[in-house]
Amino acid sequence: MVTQKVPVPLNKDKTMQIIKDLSLWPYHVPDGADVIEAINIQERNKISFWDAMIVNSAKACGCGVIWSEDLTHGQIYEGVKVLNPLSQT
């Protein structure tokens, strides 16, 4: 817990504010149609099913970028660009 079990705990008020801020972020809850679309994305892009689920959710949320160490840096999948936070290019 960030208020107790980390080297530098956060106070309760700061923790609650972070949770409130995060609750405003858009999110995607995949359904059966999303699983089928992920299978299609997997086949079109030759990526893993789980990466295809991430791409599909990013696309559904209108994200322009995915930050990933696993997918190819600079590649665009289904209109979503991948950036590797550890890449030097």
C-alpha atoms as a PDB file:
ATOM      1  CA  MET A   1       0.000   0.000   0.000  1.00  0.00           C
ATOM      2  CA  VAL A   2       1.424   3.393  -0.964  1.00  0.00           C
ATOM      3  CA  THR A   3       0.535   4.804   2.437  1.00  0.00           C
ATOM      4  CA  GLN A   4       2.501   2.130   4.346  1.00  0.00           C
ATOM      5  CA  LYS A   5       4.515  -0.551   2.532  1.00  0.00           C
ATOM      6  CA  VAL A   6       6.822   1.446   0.268  1.00  0.00           C
ATOM      7  CA  PRO A   7      10.159   3.117   1.094  1.00  0.00           C
ATOM      8  CA  VAL A   8       8.625   6.613   0.962  1.00  0.00           C
ATOM      9  CA  PRO A   9       4.920   6.320   1.845  1.00  0.00           C
ATOM     10  CA  LEU A  10       2.397   8.865   0.592  1.00  0.00           C
ATOM     11  CA  ASN A  11       0.111  10.560   3.038  1.00  0.00           C
ATOM     12  CA  LYS A  12      -3.600   9.735   2.950  1.00  0.00           C
ATOM     13  CA  ASP A  13      -4.664  13.032   1.335  1.00  0.00           C
ATOM     14  CA  LYS A  14      -2.112  12.737  -1.490  1.00  0.00           C
ATOM     15  CA  THR A  15      -3.116   9.114  -2.085  1.00  0.00           C
ATOM     16  CA  MET A  16      -6.807  10.002  -2.227  1.00  0.00           C
ATOM     17  CA  GLN A  17      -6.122  12.833  -4.685  1.00  0.00           C
ATOM     18  CA  ILE A  18      -4.191  10.496  -6.980  1.00  0.00           C
ATOM     19  CA  ILE A  19      -7.063   8.001  -6.925  1.00  0.00           C
ATOM     20  CA  LYS A  20      -9.588  10.767  -7.688  1.00  0.00           C
ATOM     21  CA  ASP A  21      -7.446  11.975 -10.593  1.00  0.00           C
ATOM     22  CA  LEU A  22      -7.038   8.459 -11.999  1.00  0.00           C
ATOM     23  CA  SER A  23     -10.789   7.877 -11.791  1.00  0.00           C
ATOM     24  CA  LEU A  24     -11.256  10.620 -14.413  1.00  0.00           C
ATOM     25  CA  TRP A  25      -9.168   8.799 -17.016  1.00  0.00           C
ATOM     26  CA  PRO A  26     -11.122   7.075 -19.788  1.00  0.00           C
ATOM     27  CA  TYR A  27     -10.948   3.296 -19.847  1.00  0.00           C
ATOM     28  CA  HIS A  28     -12.170   0.484 -22.037  1.00  0.00           C
ATOM     29  CA  VAL A  29     -13.995  -2.646 -20.887  1.00  0.00           C
ATOM     30  CA  PRO A  30     -13.608  -5.213 -23.686  1.00  0.00           C
ATOM     31  CA  ASP A  31     -16.581  -7.321 -24.708  1.00  0.00           C
ATOM     32  CA  GLY A  32     -16.981 -10.257 -27.078  1.00  0.00           C
ATOM     33  CA  ALA A  33     -16.788  -8.058 -30.170  1.00  0.00           C
ATOM     34  CA  ASP A  34     -13.478  -6.670 -28.906  1.00  0.00           C
ATOM     35  CA  VAL A  35     -12.054 -10.177 -28.550  1.00  0.00           C
ATOM     36  CA  ILE A  36     -13.042 -10.921 -32.153  1.00  0.00           C
ATOM     37  CA  GLU A  37     -11.492  -7.627 -33.308  1.00  0.00           C
ATOM     38  CA  ALA A  38      -8.310  -8.426 -31.372  1.00  0.00           C
ATOM     39  CA  ILE A  39      -8.078 -11.748 -33.221  1.00  0.00           C
ATOM     40  CA  ASN A  40      -8.352  -9.822 -36.506  1.00  0.00           C
ATOM     41  CA  ILE A  41      -5.738  -7.285 -35.359  1.00  0.00           C
ATOM     42  CA  GLN A  42      -3.466 -10.173 -34.338  1.00  0.00           C
ATOM     43  CA  GLU A  43      -3.725 -11.714 -37.794  1.00  0.00           C
ATOM     44  CA  ARG A  44      -3.319  -8.426 -39.703  1.00  0.00           C
ATOM     45  CA  ASN A  45      -0.328  -7.236 -37.698  1.00  0.00           C
ATOM     46  CA  LYS A  46       1.354 -10.518 -36.732  1.00  0.00           C
ATOM     47  CA  ILE A  47       1.417  -9.642 -33.022  1.00  0.00           C
ATOM     48  CA  SER A  48       0.359 -11.607 -29.958  1.00  0.00           C
ATOM     49  CA  PHE A  49      -3.303 -11.794 -29.027  1.00  0.00           C
ATOM     50  CA  TRP A  50      -2.686  -9.907 -25.778  1.00  0.00           C
ATOM     51  CA  ASP A  51      -0.841  -7.110 -27.584  1.00  0.00           C
ATOM     52  CA  ALA A  52      -3.731  -7.014 -30.056  1.00  0.00           C
ATOM     53  CA  MET A  53      -6.153  -6.584 -27.136  1.00  0.00           C
ATOM     54  CA  ILE A  54      -4.077  -3.622 -25.940  1.00  0.00           C
ATOM     55  CA  VAL A  55      -4.026  -2.118 -29.433  1.00  0.00           C
ATOM     56  CA  ASN A  56      -7.779  -2.597 -29.737  1.00  0.00           C
ATOM     57  CA  SER A  57      -8.463  -0.949 -26.374  1.00  0.00           C
ATOM     58  CA  ALA A  58      -6.148   1.952 -27.213  1.00  0.00           C
ATOM     59  CA  LYS A  59      -7.953   2.390 -30.522  1.00  0.00           C
ATOM     60  CA  ALA A  60     -11.370   2.237 -28.800  1.00  0.00           C
ATOM     61  CA  CYS A  61     -10.292   4.951 -26.330  1.00  0.00           C
ATOM     62  CA  GLY A  62      -8.935   7.175 -29.080  1.00  0.00           C
ATOM     63  CA  CYS A  63      -5.321   6.877 -27.923  1.00  0.00           C
ATOM     64  CA  GLY A  64      -2.710   7.954 -30.439  1.00  0.00           C
ATOM     65  CA  VAL A  65       0.229   6.351 -28.623  1.00  0.00           C
ATOM     66  CA  ILE A  66       0.960   3.152 -26.706  1.00  0.00           C
ATOM     67  CA  TRP A  67       4.041   3.129 -24.488  1.00  0.00           C
ATOM     68  CA  SER A  68       5.447  -0.400 -24.638  1.00  0.00           C
ATOM     69  CA  GLU A  69       8.714  -2.274 -24.298  1.00  0.00           C
ATOM     70  CA  ASP A  70       7.238  -5.289 -26.107  1.00  0.00           C
ATOM     71  CA  LEU A  71       5.836  -3.904 -29.351  1.00  0.00           C
ATOM     72  CA  THR A  72       8.093  -2.459 -32.058  1.00  0.00           C
ATOM     73  CA  HIS A  73       9.186   1.125 -31.329  1.00  0.00           C
ATOM     74  CA  GLY A  74       7.857   3.537 -33.958  1.00  0.00           C
ATOM     75  CA  GLN A  75       5.467   0.990 -35.485  1.00  0.00           C
ATOM     76  CA  ILE A  76       1.874   2.024 -36.098  1.00  0.00           C
ATOM     77  CA  TYR A  77      -0.770  -0.625 -35.414  1.00  0.00           C
ATOM     78  CA  GLU A  78      -4.335   0.175 -36.428  1.00  0.00           C
ATOM     79  CA  GLY A  79      -3.574   3.899 -36.303  1.00  0.00           C
ATOM     80  CA  VAL A  80      -1.922   3.741 -32.867  1.00  0.00           C
ATOM     81  CA  LYS A  81       1.806   4.484 -32.685  1.00  0.00           C
ATOM     82  CA  VAL A  82       4.082   2.516 -30.367  1.00  0.00           C
ATOM     83  CA  LEU A  83       6.805   4.276 -28.419  1.00  0.00           C
ATOM     84  CA  ASN A  84       9.283   2.443 -26.220  1.00  0.00           C
ATOM     85  CA  PRO A  85      10.101   4.535 -23.147  1.00  0.00           C
ATOM     86  CA  LEU A  86      13.542   2.894 -23.011  1.00  0.00           C
ATOM     87  CA  SER A  87      14.425   3.544 -26.661  1.00  0.00           C
ATOM     88  CA  GLN A  88      17.343   5.812 -27.414  1.00  0.00           C
ATOM     89  CA  THR A  89      16.034   6.749 -30.898  1.00  0.00           C
END
